[in-house]
Amino acid sequence: MFKKLLKHELLQSWKIYVPIIVLYACVSIAMVLTANYFTEKWHLSTNTSFMETANNISVINLFLSVAVRTAVYILIAVGFYKTTIGKMGYITHTLPATVNEILTVKVAVYSFYLLLLTIVRKIGTWISFSAMGDITYNYRTTLVSELKDVAVCIFVVLSIYAALSIGFSFERFKMGIAAGVYLLIHFAGEYGSEIVRFVLWNVMGDKLLGNQVMSVFSMVMTFLCIPLWFFITKYFLEKRLNLE
């Protein structure tokens, strides 16, 4: 049943997500190449207008990346609501599959789409570094962070699912509570990381070493939170639907 669920989820979702990712990849890479072109022109002529144009294109590309990722987050949340906890969610749960199977398939599929977005962003960064003649450094950095990228994608999907599952377990203000839980998860993570970073800087007296330790700590916390959000989502789904 797991394979059938996975096949069905991919067939239903790729028509939405793949065109978005492909279009974003084409536009983003084109903008990176254009920014590199103007940067090279600036080096050759020292005309500041070329550098300003390159900077403006890079800023627009950054906003595009944020906008596309936000749109994908919203699509993931809407899809989960419609197929799992919304009024039509009972159709999903009439399938001969457990909550574990349904949830695992959804997390795997939508984490994969987020990972594709991350890969597109890294390709753009690699192209920028290549233009500056620093291919080795960028490749090494990407290789080290691959595992964390996968974990972060899974974490993001599960945090969306957990927030919606908790929010819709209440009788009133469901969407507001879900949004509040999601923001709490991410603000707690951001501020908690900054507090730990500040403590490490002061204890170690070395910002570079503190940042390295912080990177490891952040990865460990991400891996710990993945099963936590999974079981929270599973618990509230089973409680809401009384499936098992």
Protein backbone atom coordinates (compact mmCIF):
# COMPACT_ATOMS: atom_id res chain seq x y z
CA MET A 1 0.00 0.00 0.00
CA PHE A 2 2.90 2.33 0.72
CA LYS A 3 4.12 2.17 -2.90
CA LYS A 4 0.61 2.84 -4.22
CA LEU A 5 0.25 5.85 -1.93
CA LEU A 6 3.63 7.18 -2.99
CA LYS A 7 2.82 6.77 -6.69
CA HIS A 8 -0.58 8.45 -6.25
CA GLU A 9 0.88 11.40 -4.28
CA LEU A 10 3.58 11.97 -6.91
CA LEU A 11 1.10 11.77 -9.80
CA GLN A 12 -1.24 14.23 -8.09
CA SER A 13 1.43 16.73 -7.08
CA TRP A 14 4.06 16.88 -9.82
CA LYS A 15 1.79 18.84 -12.19
CA ILE A 16 1.77 21.70 -9.67
CA TYR A 17 5.24 21.61 -8.13
CA VAL A 18 7.49 20.58 -11.03
CA PRO A 19 6.44 23.47 -13.35
CA ILE A 20 6.95 25.95 -10.47
CA ILE A 21 10.42 24.57 -9.73
CA VAL A 22 11.46 24.42 -13.42
CA LEU A 23 10.23 27.98 -14.07
CA TYR A 24 11.98 29.23 -10.93
CA ALA A 25 15.20 27.44 -11.94
CA CYS A 26 15.19 29.00 -15.43
CA VAL A 27 14.46 32.53 -14.21
CA SER A 28 16.84 32.33 -11.23
CA ILE A 29 19.79 30.95 -13.21
CA ALA A 30 19.17 33.48 -15.99
CA MET A 31 19.27 36.28 -13.40
CA VAL A 32 22.51 34.93 -11.88
CA LEU A 33 24.14 34.78 -15.33
CA THR A 34 22.95 38.31 -16.08
CA ALA A 35 24.31 39.60 -12.75
CA ASN A 36 27.65 37.89 -13.49
CA TYR A 37 27.72 39.55 -16.92
CA PHE A 38 27.25 43.03 -15.45
CA THR A 39 29.82 42.30 -12.73
CA GLU A 40 32.36 41.33 -15.40
CA LYS A 41 31.53 44.50 -17.35
CA TRP A 42 32.15 46.51 -14.16
CA HIS A 43 35.58 44.88 -13.71
CA LEU A 44 36.52 45.75 -17.27
CA SER A 45 35.25 49.32 -17.31
CA THR A 46 35.01 50.30 -13.59
CA ASN A 47 31.66 51.90 -14.42
CA THR A 48 29.69 51.81 -11.14
CA SER A 49 26.34 51.59 -12.97
CA PHE A 50 27.20 48.03 -14.04
CA MET A 51 27.84 47.00 -10.43
CA GLU A 52 24.62 48.67 -9.27
CA THR A 53 22.68 46.77 -11.92
CA ALA A 54 24.30 43.48 -10.86
CA ASN A 55 23.44 44.18 -7.20
CA ASN A 56 19.83 45.03 -8.08
CA ILE A 57 19.44 41.81 -10.05
CA SER A 58 20.88 39.80 -7.13
CA VAL A 59 18.43 41.43 -4.69
CA ILE A 60 15.48 40.69 -7.01
CA ASN A 61 16.67 37.09 -7.30
CA LEU A 62 16.79 36.83 -3.50
CA PHE A 63 13.21 38.11 -3.20
CA LEU A 64 12.15 35.69 -5.94
CA SER A 65 13.68 32.79 -4.00
CA VAL A 66 11.84 33.80 -0.81
CA ALA A 67 8.54 34.31 -2.69
CA VAL A 68 8.71 30.93 -4.45
CA ARG A 69 9.63 29.07 -1.26
CA THR A 70 6.80 30.79 0.64
CA ALA A 71 4.34 29.91 -2.12
CA VAL A 72 5.45 26.26 -1.95
CA TYR A 73 5.01 26.27 1.84
CA ILE A 74 1.46 27.55 1.40
CA LEU A 75 0.72 24.91 -1.25
CA ILE A 76 2.02 22.19 1.07
CA ALA A 77 -0.17 23.46 3.92
CA VAL A 78 -3.28 23.71 1.70
CA GLY A 79 -2.68 20.25 0.27
CA PHE A 80 -2.31 18.71 3.72
CA TYR A 81 -5.47 20.46 4.92
CA LYS A 82 -7.57 19.34 1.96
CA THR A 83 -6.43 15.71 1.93
CA THR A 84 -6.00 15.02 5.63
CA ILE A 85 -7.76 17.32 8.13
CA GLY A 86 -10.31 19.19 6.01
CA LYS A 87 -13.89 18.15 5.33
CA MET A 88 -12.80 15.90 2.47
CA GLY A 89 -9.98 14.36 4.50
CA TYR A 90 -12.11 11.36 5.39
CA ILE A 91 -11.63 10.06 1.83
CA THR A 92 -7.88 9.73 2.44
CA HIS A 93 -8.50 7.90 5.70
CA THR A 94 -10.88 5.38 4.15
CA LEU A 95 -7.89 3.92 2.34
CA PRO A 96 -6.48 0.66 3.75
CA ALA A 97 -3.42 2.47 5.06
CA THR A 98 -2.20 3.54 8.49
CA VAL A 99 -1.59 7.13 9.59
CA ASN A 100 2.13 6.30 9.60
CA GLU A 101 2.04 5.34 5.92
CA ILE A 102 -0.02 8.36 4.85
CA LEU A 103 2.14 10.79 6.81
CA THR A 104 5.44 9.23 5.70
CA VAL A 105 4.45 9.41 2.02
CA LYS A 106 3.44 13.06 2.29
CA VAL A 107 6.61 14.03 4.14
CA ALA A 108 8.80 12.18 1.62
CA VAL A 109 7.15 13.70 -1.47
CA TYR A 110 7.01 17.32 -0.32
CA SER A 111 10.44 17.23 1.29
CA PHE A 112 11.71 16.11 -2.11
CA TYR A 113 10.17 19.17 -3.78
CA LEU A 114 11.71 21.47 -1.18
CA LEU A 115 15.05 19.76 -1.72
CA LEU A 116 14.78 20.47 -5.45
CA LEU A 117 14.29 24.17 -4.64
CA THR A 118 17.37 24.05 -2.42
CA ILE A 119 19.39 22.41 -5.21
CA VAL A 120 18.33 25.15 -7.65
CA ARG A 121 19.49 27.81 -5.17
CA LYS A 122 22.82 26.03 -4.71
CA ILE A 123 23.33 25.76 -8.47
CA GLY A 124 22.85 29.51 -8.70
CA THR A 125 25.40 30.02 -5.92
CA TRP A 126 27.83 27.63 -7.64
CA ILE A 127 27.52 29.61 -10.88
CA SER A 128 28.29 32.82 -8.98
CA PHE A 129 31.37 31.29 -7.34
CA SER A 130 32.48 29.87 -10.70
CA ALA A 131 32.41 33.35 -12.21
CA MET A 132 34.72 34.48 -9.40
CA GLY A 133 37.06 31.51 -9.98
CA ASP A 134 36.31 29.84 -6.62
CA ILE A 135 34.69 26.55 -7.60
CA THR A 136 36.45 24.34 -5.02
CA TYR A 137 35.30 26.27 -1.98
CA ASN A 138 31.66 26.29 -3.03
CA TYR A 139 31.65 22.57 -3.90
CA ARG A 140 33.19 21.64 -0.56
CA THR A 141 30.68 23.77 1.34
CA THR A 142 27.74 22.23 -0.55
CA LEU A 143 28.99 18.68 0.02
CA VAL A 144 29.23 19.19 3.79
CA SER A 145 25.76 20.72 4.04
CA GLU A 146 23.89 18.15 1.91
CA LEU A 147 22.72 16.04 4.85
CA LYS A 148 21.57 19.12 6.73
CA ASP A 149 19.67 20.33 3.65
CA VAL A 150 17.69 17.10 3.55
CA ALA A 151 16.97 17.28 7.29
CA VAL A 152 15.86 20.93 7.07
CA CYS A 153 13.43 20.11 4.23
CA ILE A 154 11.87 17.28 6.26
CA PHE A 155 11.78 19.53 9.34
CA VAL A 156 9.95 22.31 7.46
CA VAL A 157 7.29 19.96 6.07
CA LEU A 158 6.71 18.32 9.47
CA SER A 159 6.54 21.69 11.26
CA ILE A 160 3.76 22.74 8.84
CA TYR A 161 1.93 19.46 9.40
CA ALA A 162 2.36 19.58 13.19
CA ALA A 163 1.10 23.18 13.39
CA LEU A 164 -2.00 22.39 11.30
CA SER A 165 -2.71 19.19 13.23
CA ILE A 166 -2.51 21.00 16.58
CA GLY A 167 -4.51 24.01 15.39
CA PHE A 168 -7.34 21.98 13.92
CA SER A 169 -7.67 19.89 17.06
CA PHE A 170 -9.40 22.91 18.65
CA GLU A 171 -13.05 23.82 18.18
CA ARG A 172 -12.49 27.53 17.47
CA PHE A 173 -9.80 29.76 15.92
CA LYS A 174 -8.26 26.72 14.23
CA MET A 175 -6.31 28.53 11.53
CA GLY A 176 -5.14 31.24 13.93
CA ILE A 177 -3.85 28.67 16.41
CA ALA A 178 -2.15 26.71 13.62
CA ALA A 179 -0.41 29.87 12.36
CA GLY A 180 0.59 30.75 15.93
CA VAL A 181 2.08 27.29 16.53
CA TYR A 182 4.02 27.44 13.26
CA LEU A 183 5.45 30.89 14.06
CA LEU A 184 6.27 29.76 17.61
CA ILE A 185 8.21 26.76 16.29
CA HIS A 186 10.31 28.88 13.98
CA PHE A 187 10.78 31.90 16.23
CA ALA A 188 11.79 29.61 19.08
CA GLY A 189 14.30 27.95 16.79
CA GLU A 190 15.74 31.25 15.54
CA TYR A 191 15.98 32.99 18.93
CA GLY A 192 17.16 29.80 20.63
CA SER A 193 19.95 29.48 18.07
CA GLU A 194 21.04 33.08 18.58
CA ILE A 195 21.11 32.65 22.37
CA VAL A 196 23.24 29.50 22.06
CA ARG A 197 25.52 31.26 19.56
CA PHE A 198 25.99 34.23 21.95
CA VAL A 199 26.82 31.89 24.86
CA LEU A 200 29.30 29.92 22.74
CA TRP A 201 31.03 33.11 21.61
CA ASN A 202 31.49 34.25 25.20
CA VAL A 203 32.47 30.84 26.63
CA MET A 204 34.92 29.94 23.86
CA GLY A 205 36.17 33.42 23.13
CA ASP A 206 36.46 32.49 19.45
CA LYS A 207 33.64 33.40 17.08
CA LEU A 208 34.80 31.06 14.31
CA LEU A 209 34.94 28.05 16.64
CA GLY A 210 31.64 29.12 18.22
CA ASN A 211 29.99 29.20 14.78
CA GLN A 212 31.32 25.72 13.98
CA VAL A 213 29.97 24.31 17.24
CA MET A 214 26.71 26.16 16.60
CA SER A 215 26.41 24.54 13.18
CA VAL A 216 26.75 21.07 14.71
CA PHE A 217 24.29 21.95 17.49
CA SER A 218 21.78 23.23 14.95
CA MET A 219 22.02 20.03 12.91
CA VAL A 220 21.57 17.84 15.99
CA MET A 221 18.49 19.83 17.10
CA THR A 222 17.01 19.56 13.60
CA PHE A 223 17.43 15.77 13.62
CA LEU A 224 15.90 15.56 17.11
CA CYS A 225 12.89 17.67 16.15
CA ILE A 226 12.04 15.58 13.08
CA PRO A 227 10.71 12.55 15.03
CA LEU A 228 9.13 14.91 17.57
CA TRP A 229 7.02 16.74 14.96
CA PHE A 230 6.23 13.43 13.25
CA PHE A 231 4.80 11.84 16.38
CA ILE A 232 2.97 15.04 17.39
CA THR A 233 1.31 15.15 13.96
CA LYS A 234 0.49 11.44 14.09
CA TYR A 235 -0.95 11.77 17.61
CA PHE A 236 -3.29 14.64 16.74
CA LEU A 237 -4.40 13.02 13.50
CA GLU A 238 -5.27 9.79 15.26
CA LYS A 239 -6.97 11.69 18.06
CA ARG A 240 -8.99 13.79 15.62
CA LEU A 241 -10.02 10.92 13.36
CA ASN A 242 -9.99 8.11 15.92
CA LEU A 243 -8.43 5.84 13.34
CA GLU A 244 -6.36 3.46 15.38
